[in-house]
Amino acid sequence: AQLDRVGAFRFEPVEGAAANNLPD
């Protein structure tokens, strides 16, 4: 893709987010 600007974030659980209930 050769994107010009990229920011990255480590996944962080957020209270109320459905992702918190995912396995693995």
mmCIF file of all heavy atoms, coordinates in Angstrom:
data_MODEL
# 
_entry.id   MODEL 
# 
loop_
_atom_site.group_PDB 
_atom_site.id 
_atom_site.type_symbol 
_atom_site.label_atom_id 
_atom_site.label_alt_id 
_atom_site.label_comp_id 
_atom_site.label_asym_id 
_atom_site.label_entity_id 
_atom_site.label_seq_id 
_atom_site.pdbx_PDB_ins_code 
_atom_site.Cartn_x 
_atom_site.Cartn_y 
_atom_site.Cartn_z 
_atom_site.occupancy 
_atom_site.B_iso_or_equiv 
_atom_site.pdbx_formal_charge 
_atom_site.auth_seq_id 
_atom_site.auth_comp_id 
_atom_site.auth_asym_id 
_atom_site.auth_atom_id 
_atom_site.pdbx_PDB_model_num 
ATOM 1   N N   . ALA A 1 1  ? 0.819   -1.220  0.000  1.00 0.00 ? 1  ALA A N   1 
ATOM 2   C CA  . ALA A 1 1  ? 0.000   0.000   0.000  1.00 0.00 ? 1  ALA A CA  1 
ATOM 3   C C   . ALA A 1 1  ? 0.847   1.262   0.000  1.00 0.00 ? 1  ALA A C   1 
ATOM 4   O O   . ALA A 1 1  ? 0.443   2.289   -0.559 1.00 0.00 ? 1  ALA A O   1 
ATOM 5   C CB  . ALA A 1 1  ? -0.926  -0.009  1.208  1.00 0.00 ? 1  ALA A CB  1 
ATOM 6   N N   . GLN A 1 2  ? 2.028   1.223   0.663  1.00 0.00 ? 2  GLN A N   1 
ATOM 7   C CA  . GLN A 1 2  ? 2.928   2.376   0.691  1.00 0.00 ? 2  GLN A CA  1 
ATOM 8   C C   . GLN A 1 2  ? 2.195   3.655   1.148  1.00 0.00 ? 2  GLN A C   1 
ATOM 9   O O   . GLN A 1 2  ? 2.229   4.700   0.494  1.00 0.00 ? 2  GLN A O   1 
ATOM 10  C CB  . GLN A 1 2  ? 3.571   2.597   -0.678 1.00 0.00 ? 2  GLN A CB  1 
ATOM 11  C CG  . GLN A 1 2  ? 4.572   1.528   -1.079 1.00 0.00 ? 2  GLN A CG  1 
ATOM 12  C CD  . GLN A 1 2  ? 5.880   1.629   -0.314 1.00 0.00 ? 2  GLN A CD  1 
ATOM 13  O OE1 . GLN A 1 2  ? 6.587   2.640   -0.405 1.00 0.00 ? 2  GLN A OE1 1 
ATOM 14  N NE2 . GLN A 1 2  ? 6.196   0.605   0.469  1.00 0.00 ? 2  GLN A NE2 1 
ATOM 15  N N   . LEU A 1 3  ? 1.531   3.560   2.291  1.00 0.00 ? 3  LEU A N   1 
ATOM 16  C CA  . LEU A 1 3  ? 0.828   4.723   2.839  1.00 0.00 ? 3  LEU A CA  1 
ATOM 17  C C   . LEU A 1 3  ? 1.837   5.768   3.288  1.00 0.00 ? 3  LEU A C   1 
ATOM 18  O O   . LEU A 1 3  ? 2.937   5.455   3.741  1.00 0.00 ? 3  LEU A O   1 
ATOM 19  C CB  . LEU A 1 3  ? -0.055  4.302   4.010  1.00 0.00 ? 3  LEU A CB  1 
ATOM 20  C CG  . LEU A 1 3  ? -1.100  3.218   3.716  1.00 0.00 ? 3  LEU A CG  1 
ATOM 21  C CD1 . LEU A 1 3  ? -1.929  2.934   4.965  1.00 0.00 ? 3  LEU A CD1 1 
ATOM 22  C CD2 . LEU A 1 3  ? -2.007  3.648   2.562  1.00 0.00 ? 3  LEU A CD2 1 
ATOM 23  N N   . ASP A 1 4  ? 1.441   7.028   3.180  1.00 0.00 ? 4  ASP A N   1 
ATOM 24  C CA  . ASP A 1 4  ? 2.365   8.122   3.482  1.00 0.00 ? 4  ASP A CA  1 
ATOM 25  C C   . ASP A 1 4  ? 2.537   8.349   4.977  1.00 0.00 ? 4  ASP A C   1 
ATOM 26  O O   . ASP A 1 4  ? 3.638   8.650   5.446  1.00 0.00 ? 4  ASP A O   1 
ATOM 27  C CB  . ASP A 1 4  ? 1.863   9.406   2.817  1.00 0.00 ? 4  ASP A CB  1 
ATOM 28  C CG  . ASP A 1 4  ? 1.780   9.268   1.310  1.00 0.00 ? 4  ASP A CG  1 
ATOM 29  O OD1 . ASP A 1 4  ? 0.762   8.730   0.821  1.00 0.00 ? 4  ASP A OD1 1 
ATOM 30  O OD2 . ASP A 1 4  ? 2.729   9.672   0.628  1.00 0.00 ? 4  ASP A OD2 1 
ATOM 31  N N   . ARG A 1 5  ? 1.440   8.264   5.717  1.00 0.00 ? 5  ARG A N   1 
ATOM 32  C CA  . ARG A 1 5  ? 1.481   8.509   7.157  1.00 0.00 ? 5  ARG A CA  1 
ATOM 33  C C   . ARG A 1 5  ? 0.712   7.396   7.857  1.00 0.00 ? 5  ARG A C   1 
ATOM 34  O O   . ARG A 1 5  ? -0.422  7.097   7.481  1.00 0.00 ? 5  ARG A O   1 
ATOM 35  C CB  . ARG A 1 5  ? 0.836   9.858   7.500  1.00 0.00 ? 5  ARG A CB  1 
ATOM 36  C CG  . ARG A 1 5  ? 1.515   11.068  6.860  1.00 0.00 ? 5  ARG A CG  1 
ATOM 37  C CD  . ARG A 1 5  ? 2.916   11.268  7.412  1.00 0.00 ? 5  ARG A CD  1 
ATOM 38  N NE  . ARG A 1 5  ? 3.478   12.556  7.033  1.00 0.00 ? 5  ARG A NE  1 
ATOM 39  C CZ  . ARG A 1 5  ? 4.720   12.925  7.298  1.00 0.00 ? 5  ARG A CZ  1 
ATOM 40  N NH1 . ARG A 1 5  ? 5.530   12.091  7.929  1.00 0.00 ? 5  ARG A NH1 1 
ATOM 41  N NH2 . ARG A 1 5  ? 5.174   14.110  6.940  1.00 0.00 ? 5  ARG A NH2 1 
ATOM 42  N N   . VAL A 1 6  ? 1.304   6.803   8.874  1.00 0.00 ? 6  VAL A N   1 
ATOM 43  C CA  . VAL A 1 6  ? 0.648   5.695   9.576  1.00 0.00 ? 6  VAL A CA  1 
ATOM 44  C C   . VAL A 1 6  ? 0.812   5.872   11.081 1.00 0.00 ? 6  VAL A C   1 
ATOM 45  O O   . VAL A 1 6  ? 1.904   6.143   11.571 1.00 0.00 ? 6  VAL A O   1 
ATOM 46  C CB  . VAL A 1 6  ? 1.246   4.336   9.149  1.00 0.00 ? 6  VAL A CB  1 
ATOM 47  C CG1 . VAL A 1 6  ? 0.709   3.218   10.035 1.00 0.00 ? 6  VAL A CG1 1 
ATOM 48  C CG2 . VAL A 1 6  ? 0.906   4.048   7.684  1.00 0.00 ? 6  VAL A CG2 1 
ATOM 49  N N   . GLY A 1 7  ? -0.293  5.701   11.781 1.00 0.00 ? 7  GLY A N   1 
ATOM 50  C CA  . GLY A 1 7  ? -0.267  5.630   13.230 1.00 0.00 ? 7  GLY A CA  1 
ATOM 51  C C   . GLY A 1 7  ? -0.698  4.239   13.647 1.00 0.00 ? 7  GLY A C   1 
ATOM 52  O O   . GLY A 1 7  ? -1.546  3.616   13.006 1.00 0.00 ? 7  GLY A O   1 
ATOM 53  N N   . ALA A 1 8  ? -0.099  3.707   14.705 1.00 0.00 ? 8  ALA A N   1 
ATOM 54  C CA  . ALA A 1 8  ? -0.454  2.369   15.178 1.00 0.00 ? 8  ALA A CA  1 
ATOM 55  C C   . ALA A 1 8  ? -0.785  2.431   16.662 1.00 0.00 ? 8  ALA A C   1 
ATOM 56  O O   . ALA A 1 8  ? -0.242  3.244   17.405 1.00 0.00 ? 8  ALA A O   1 
ATOM 57  C CB  . ALA A 1 8  ? 0.691   1.394   14.934 1.00 0.00 ? 8  ALA A CB  1 
ATOM 58  N N   . PHE A 1 9  ? -1.699  1.551   17.073 1.00 0.00 ? 9  PHE A N   1 
ATOM 59  C CA  . PHE A 1 9  ? -2.145  1.512   18.459 1.00 0.00 ? 9  PHE A CA  1 
ATOM 60  C C   . PHE A 1 9  ? -2.212  0.064   18.916 1.00 0.00 ? 9  PHE A C   1 
ATOM 61  O O   . PHE A 1 9  ? -2.660  -0.814  18.185 1.00 0.00 ? 9  PHE A O   1 
ATOM 62  C CB  . PHE A 1 9  ? -3.526  2.153   18.604 1.00 0.00 ? 9  PHE A CB  1 
ATOM 63  C CG  . PHE A 1 9  ? -3.599  3.554   18.085 1.00 0.00 ? 9  PHE A CG  1 
ATOM 64  C CD1 . PHE A 1 9  ? -3.925  3.807   16.752 1.00 0.00 ? 9  PHE A CD1 1 
ATOM 65  C CD2 . PHE A 1 9  ? -3.313  4.622   18.914 1.00 0.00 ? 9  PHE A CD2 1 
ATOM 66  C CE1 . PHE A 1 9  ? -3.969  5.089   16.269 1.00 0.00 ? 9  PHE A CE1 1 
ATOM 67  C CE2 . PHE A 1 9  ? -3.357  5.913   18.437 1.00 0.00 ? 9  PHE A CE2 1 
ATOM 68  C CZ  . PHE A 1 9  ? -3.684  6.166   17.108 1.00 0.00 ? 9  PHE A CZ  1 
ATOM 69  N N   . ARG A 1 10 ? -1.762  -0.179  20.117 1.00 0.00 ? 10 ARG A N   1 
ATOM 70  C CA  . ARG A 1 10 ? -1.937  -1.497  20.718 1.00 0.00 ? 10 ARG A CA  1 
ATOM 71  C C   . ARG A 1 10 ? -3.395  -1.621  21.143 1.00 0.00 ? 10 ARG A C   1 
ATOM 72  O O   . ARG A 1 10 ? -3.955  -0.681  21.721 1.00 0.00 ? 10 ARG A O   1 
ATOM 73  C CB  . ARG A 1 10 ? -1.027  -1.655  21.917 1.00 0.00 ? 10 ARG A CB  1 
ATOM 74  C CG  . ARG A 1 10 ? 0.442   -1.331  21.651 1.00 0.00 ? 10 ARG A CG  1 
ATOM 75  C CD  . ARG A 1 10 ? 1.157   -1.055  22.972 1.00 0.00 ? 10 ARG A CD  1 
ATOM 76  N NE  . ARG A 1 10 ? 2.483   -0.486  22.793 1.00 0.00 ? 10 ARG A NE  1 
ATOM 77  C CZ  . ARG A 1 10 ? 2.745   0.805   22.583 1.00 0.00 ? 10 ARG A CZ  1 
ATOM 78  N NH1 . ARG A 1 10 ? 1.739   1.676   22.460 1.00 0.00 ? 10 ARG A NH1 1 
ATOM 79  N NH2 . ARG A 1 10 ? 3.987   1.237   22.466 1.00 0.00 ? 10 ARG A NH2 1 
ATOM 80  N N   . PHE A 1 11 ? -4.012  -2.785  20.885 1.00 0.00 ? 11 PHE A N   1 
ATOM 81  C CA  . PHE A 1 11 ? -5.398  -2.973  21.309 1.00 0.00 ? 11 PHE A CA  1 
ATOM 82  C C   . PHE A 1 11 ? -5.514  -2.800  22.814 1.00 0.00 ? 11 PHE A C   1 
ATOM 83  O O   . PHE A 1 11 ? -4.703  -3.320  23.585 1.00 0.00 ? 11 PHE A O   1 
ATOM 84  C CB  . PHE A 1 11 ? -5.920  -4.354  20.921 1.00 0.00 ? 11 PHE A CB  1 
ATOM 85  C CG  . PHE A 1 11 ? -7.267  -4.651  21.522 1.00 0.00 ? 11 PHE A CG  1 
ATOM 86  C CD1 . PHE A 1 11 ? -8.406  -4.060  20.999 1.00 0.00 ? 11 PHE A CD1 1 
ATOM 87  C CD2 . PHE A 1 11 ? -7.380  -5.473  22.635 1.00 0.00 ? 11 PHE A CD2 1 
ATOM 88  C CE1 . PHE A 1 11 ? -9.654  -4.308  21.573 1.00 0.00 ? 11 PHE A CE1 1 
ATOM 89  C CE2 . PHE A 1 11 ? -8.615  -5.726  23.208 1.00 0.00 ? 11 PHE A CE2 1 
ATOM 90  C CZ  . PHE A 1 11 ? -9.754  -5.140  22.679 1.00 0.00 ? 11 PHE A CZ  1 
ATOM 91  N N   . GLU A 1 12 ? -6.536  -2.049  23.212 1.00 0.00 ? 12 GLU A N   1 
ATOM 92  C CA  . GLU A 1 12 ? -6.759  -1.767  24.617 1.00 0.00 ? 12 GLU A CA  1 
ATOM 93  C C   . GLU A 1 12 ? -8.233  -1.968  24.929 1.00 0.00 ? 12 GLU A C   1 
ATOM 94  O O   . GLU A 1 12 ? -9.088  -1.337  24.308 1.00 0.00 ? 12 GLU A O   1 
ATOM 95  C CB  . GLU A 1 12 ? -6.347  -0.314  24.908 1.00 0.00 ? 12 GLU A CB  1 
ATOM 96  C CG  . GLU A 1 12 ? -6.426  0.091   26.352 1.00 0.00 ? 12 GLU A CG  1 
ATOM 97  C CD  . GLU A 1 12 ? -5.952  1.526   26.546 1.00 0.00 ? 12 GLU A CD  1 
ATOM 98  O OE1 . GLU A 1 12 ? -4.975  1.927   25.880 1.00 0.00 ? 12 GLU A OE1 1 
ATOM 99  O OE2 . GLU A 1 12 ? -6.566  2.238   27.349 1.00 0.00 ? 12 GLU A OE2 1 
ATOM 100 N N   . PRO A 1 13 ? -8.560  -2.865  25.851 1.00 0.00 ? 13 PRO A N   1 
ATOM 101 C CA  . PRO A 1 13 ? -9.978  -3.059  26.181 1.00 0.00 ? 13 PRO A CA  1 
ATOM 102 C C   . PRO A 1 13 ? -10.601 -1.770  26.702 1.00 0.00 ? 13 PRO A C   1 
ATOM 103 O O   . PRO A 1 13 ? -9.985  -1.033  27.474 1.00 0.00 ? 13 PRO A O   1 
ATOM 104 C CB  . PRO A 1 13 ? -9.943  -4.133  27.274 1.00 0.00 ? 13 PRO A CB  1 
ATOM 105 C CG  . PRO A 1 13 ? -8.625  -4.811  27.127 1.00 0.00 ? 13 PRO A CG  1 
ATOM 106 C CD  . PRO A 1 13 ? -7.683  -3.752  26.628 1.00 0.00 ? 13 PRO A CD  1 
ATOM 107 N N   . VAL A 1 14 ? -11.822 -1.503  26.259 1.00 0.00 ? 14 VAL A N   1 
ATOM 108 C CA  . VAL A 1 14 ? -12.559 -0.321  26.701 1.00 0.00 ? 14 VAL A CA  1 
ATOM 109 C C   . VAL A 1 14 ? -13.858 -0.797  27.332 1.00 0.00 ? 14 VAL A C   1 
ATOM 110 O O   . VAL A 1 14 ? -14.569 -1.628  26.744 1.00 0.00 ? 14 VAL A O   1 
ATOM 111 C CB  . VAL A 1 14 ? -12.865 0.614   25.512 1.00 0.00 ? 14 VAL A CB  1 
ATOM 112 C CG1 . VAL A 1 14 ? -13.616 1.849   25.991 1.00 0.00 ? 14 VAL A CG1 1 
ATOM 113 C CG2 . VAL A 1 14 ? -11.586 1.009   24.804 1.00 0.00 ? 14 VAL A CG2 1 
ATOM 114 N N   . GLU A 1 15 ? -14.149 -0.294  28.492 1.00 0.00 ? 15 GLU A N   1 
ATOM 115 C CA  . GLU A 1 15 ? -15.378 -0.702  29.169 1.00 0.00 ? 15 GLU A CA  1 
ATOM 116 C C   . GLU A 1 15 ? -16.587 -0.459  28.274 1.00 0.00 ? 15 GLU A C   1 
ATOM 117 O O   . GLU A 1 15 ? -16.781 0.636   27.755 1.00 0.00 ? 15 GLU A O   1 
ATOM 118 C CB  . GLU A 1 15 ? -15.536 0.080   30.479 1.00 0.00 ? 15 GLU A CB  1 
ATOM 119 C CG  . GLU A 1 15 ? -16.715 -0.392  31.317 1.00 0.00 ? 15 GLU A CG  1 
ATOM 120 C CD  . GLU A 1 15 ? -16.804 0.332   32.641 1.00 0.00 ? 15 GLU A CD  1 
ATOM 121 O OE1 . GLU A 1 15 ? -15.827 1.024   33.008 1.00 0.00 ? 15 GLU A OE1 1 
ATOM 122 O OE2 . GLU A 1 15 ? -17.838 0.207   33.310 1.00 0.00 ? 15 GLU A OE2 1 
ATOM 123 N N   . GLY A 1 16 ? -17.387 -1.519  28.074 1.00 0.00 ? 16 GLY A N   1 
ATOM 124 C CA  . GLY A 1 16 ? -18.578 -1.393  27.246 1.00 0.00 ? 16 GLY A CA  1 
ATOM 125 C C   . GLY A 1 16 ? -18.383 -1.843  25.817 1.00 0.00 ? 16 GLY A C   1 
ATOM 126 O O   . GLY A 1 16 ? -19.357 -1.942  25.062 1.00 0.00 ? 16 GLY A O   1 
ATOM 127 N N   . ALA A 1 17 ? -17.124 -2.113  25.403 1.00 0.00 ? 17 ALA A N   1 
ATOM 128 C CA  . ALA A 1 17 ? -16.859 -2.530  24.018 1.00 0.00 ? 17 ALA A CA  1 
ATOM 129 C C   . ALA A 1 17 ? -17.050 -4.039  23.876 1.00 0.00 ? 17 ALA A C   1 
ATOM 130 O O   . ALA A 1 17 ? -16.608 -4.819  24.722 1.00 0.00 ? 17 ALA A O   1 
ATOM 131 C CB  . ALA A 1 17 ? -15.447 -2.142  23.598 1.00 0.00 ? 17 ALA A CB  1 
ATOM 132 N N   . ALA A 1 18 ? -17.684 -4.454  22.780 1.00 0.00 ? 18 ALA A N   1 
ATOM 133 C CA  . ALA A 1 18 ? -17.960 -5.873  22.556 1.00 0.00 ? 18 ALA A CA  1 
ATOM 134 C C   . ALA A 1 18 ? -16.681 -6.687  22.382 1.00 0.00 ? 18 ALA A C   1 
ATOM 135 O O   . ALA A 1 18 ? -16.665 -7.899  22.650 1.00 0.00 ? 18 ALA A O   1 
ATOM 136 C CB  . ALA A 1 18 ? -18.864 -6.033  21.329 1.00 0.00 ? 18 ALA A CB  1 
ATOM 137 N N   . ALA A 1 19 ? -15.601 -6.045  21.942 1.00 0.00 ? 19 ALA A N   1 
ATOM 138 C CA  . ALA A 1 19 ? -14.342 -6.769  21.712 1.00 0.00 ? 19 ALA A CA  1 
ATOM 139 C C   . ALA A 1 19 ? -13.803 -7.385  22.990 1.00 0.00 ? 19 ALA A C   1 
ATOM 140 O O   . ALA A 1 19 ? -13.029 -8.360  22.941 1.00 0.00 ? 19 ALA A O   1 
ATOM 141 C CB  . ALA A 1 19 ? -13.302 -5.826  21.106 1.00 0.00 ? 19 ALA A CB  1 
ATOM 142 N N   . ASN A 1 20 ? -14.183 -6.845  24.122 1.00 0.00 ? 20 ASN A N   1 
ATOM 143 C CA  . ASN A 1 20 ? -13.685 -7.375  25.393 1.00 0.00 ? 20 ASN A CA  1 
ATOM 144 C C   . ASN A 1 20 ? -14.093 -8.832  25.598 1.00 0.00 ? 20 ASN A C   1 
ATOM 145 O O   . ASN A 1 20 ? -13.420 -9.579  26.303 1.00 0.00 ? 20 ASN A O   1 
ATOM 146 C CB  . ASN A 1 20 ? -14.210 -6.535  26.566 1.00 0.00 ? 20 ASN A CB  1 
ATOM 147 C CG  . ASN A 1 20 ? -13.783 -5.084  26.466 1.00 0.00 ? 20 ASN A CG  1 
ATOM 148 O OD1 . ASN A 1 20 ? -12.893 -4.744  25.696 1.00 0.00 ? 20 ASN A OD1 1 
ATOM 149 N ND2 . ASN A 1 20 ? -14.424 -4.217  27.232 1.00 0.00 ? 20 ASN A ND2 1 
ATOM 150 N N   . ASN A 1 21 ? -15.205 -9.226  24.988 1.00 0.00 ? 21 ASN A N   1 
ATOM 151 C CA  . ASN A 1 21 ? -15.741 -10.571 25.188 1.00 0.00 ? 21 ASN A CA  1 
ATOM 152 C C   . ASN A 1 21 ? -15.219 -11.577 24.165 1.00 0.00 ? 21 ASN A C   1 
ATOM 153 O O   . ASN A 1 21 ? -15.600 -12.750 24.205 1.00 0.00 ? 21 ASN A O   1 
ATOM 154 C CB  . ASN A 1 21 ? -17.271 -10.540 25.139 1.00 0.00 ? 21 ASN A CB  1 
ATOM 155 C CG  . ASN A 1 21 ? -17.859 -9.632  26.206 1.00 0.00 ? 21 ASN A CG  1 
ATOM 156 O OD1 . ASN A 1 21 ? -17.369 -9.593  27.331 1.00 0.00 ? 21 ASN A OD1 1 
ATOM 157 N ND2 . ASN A 1 21 ? -18.895 -8.881  25.847 1.00 0.00 ? 21 ASN A ND2 1 
ATOM 158 N N   . LEU A 1 22 ? -14.386 -11.123 23.246 1.00 0.00 ? 22 LEU A N   1 
ATOM 159 C CA  . LEU A 1 22 ? -13.830 -12.039 22.246 1.00 0.00 ? 22 LEU A CA  1 
ATOM 160 C C   . LEU A 1 22 ? -12.799 -12.958 22.889 1.00 0.00 ? 22 LEU A C   1 
ATOM 161 O O   . LEU A 1 22 ? -12.104 -12.569 23.842 1.00 0.00 ? 22 LEU A O   1 
ATOM 162 C CB  . LEU A 1 22 ? -13.181 -11.250 21.106 1.00 0.00 ? 22 LEU A CB  1 
ATOM 163 C CG  . LEU A 1 22 ? -14.115 -10.459 20.192 1.00 0.00 ? 22 LEU A CG  1 
ATOM 164 C CD1 . LEU A 1 22 ? -13.303 -9.614  19.216 1.00 0.00 ? 22 LEU A CD1 1 
ATOM 165 C CD2 . LEU A 1 22 ? -15.045 -11.398 19.422 1.00 0.00 ? 22 LEU A CD2 1 
ATOM 166 N N   . PRO A 1 23 ? -12.648 -14.168 22.360 1.00 0.00 ? 23 PRO A N   1 
ATOM 167 C CA  . PRO A 1 23 ? -11.618 -15.076 22.893 1.00 0.00 ? 23 PRO A CA  1 
ATOM 168 C C   . PRO A 1 23 ? -10.239 -14.735 22.334 1.00 0.00 ? 23 PRO A C   1 
ATOM 169 O O   . PRO A 1 23 ? -10.092 -13.880 21.457 1.00 0.00 ? 23 PRO A O   1 
ATOM 170 C CB  . PRO A 1 23 ? -12.083 -16.446 22.398 1.00 0.00 ? 23 PRO A CB  1 
ATOM 171 C CG  . PRO A 1 23 ? -12.791 -16.146 21.110 1.00 0.00 ? 23 PRO A CG  1 
ATOM 172 C CD  . PRO A 1 23 ? -13.483 -14.813 21.318 1.00 0.00 ? 23 PRO A CD  1 
ATOM 173 N N   . ASP A 1 24 ? -9.245  -15.418 22.850 1.00 0.00 ? 24 ASP A N   1 
ATOM 174 C CA  . ASP A 1 24 ? -7.865  -15.358 22.325 1.00 0.00 ? 24 ASP A CA  1 
ATOM 175 C C   . ASP A 1 24 ? -7.273  -13.956 22.383 1.00 0.00 ? 24 ASP A C   1 
ATOM 176 O O   . ASP A 1 24 ? -6.753  -13.433 21.382 1.00 0.00 ? 24 ASP A O   1 
ATOM 177 C CB  . ASP A 1 24 ? -7.821  -15.881 20.877 1.00 0.00 ? 24 ASP A CB  1 
ATOM 178 C CG  . ASP A 1 24 ? -8.364  -17.285 20.744 1.00 0.00 ? 24 ASP A CG  1 
ATOM 179 O OD1 . ASP A 1 24 ? -8.103  -18.102 21.641 1.00 0.00 ? 24 ASP A OD1 1 
ATOM 180 O OD2 . ASP A 1 24 ? -9.077  -17.550 19.747 1.00 0.00 ? 24 ASP A OD2 1 
# 
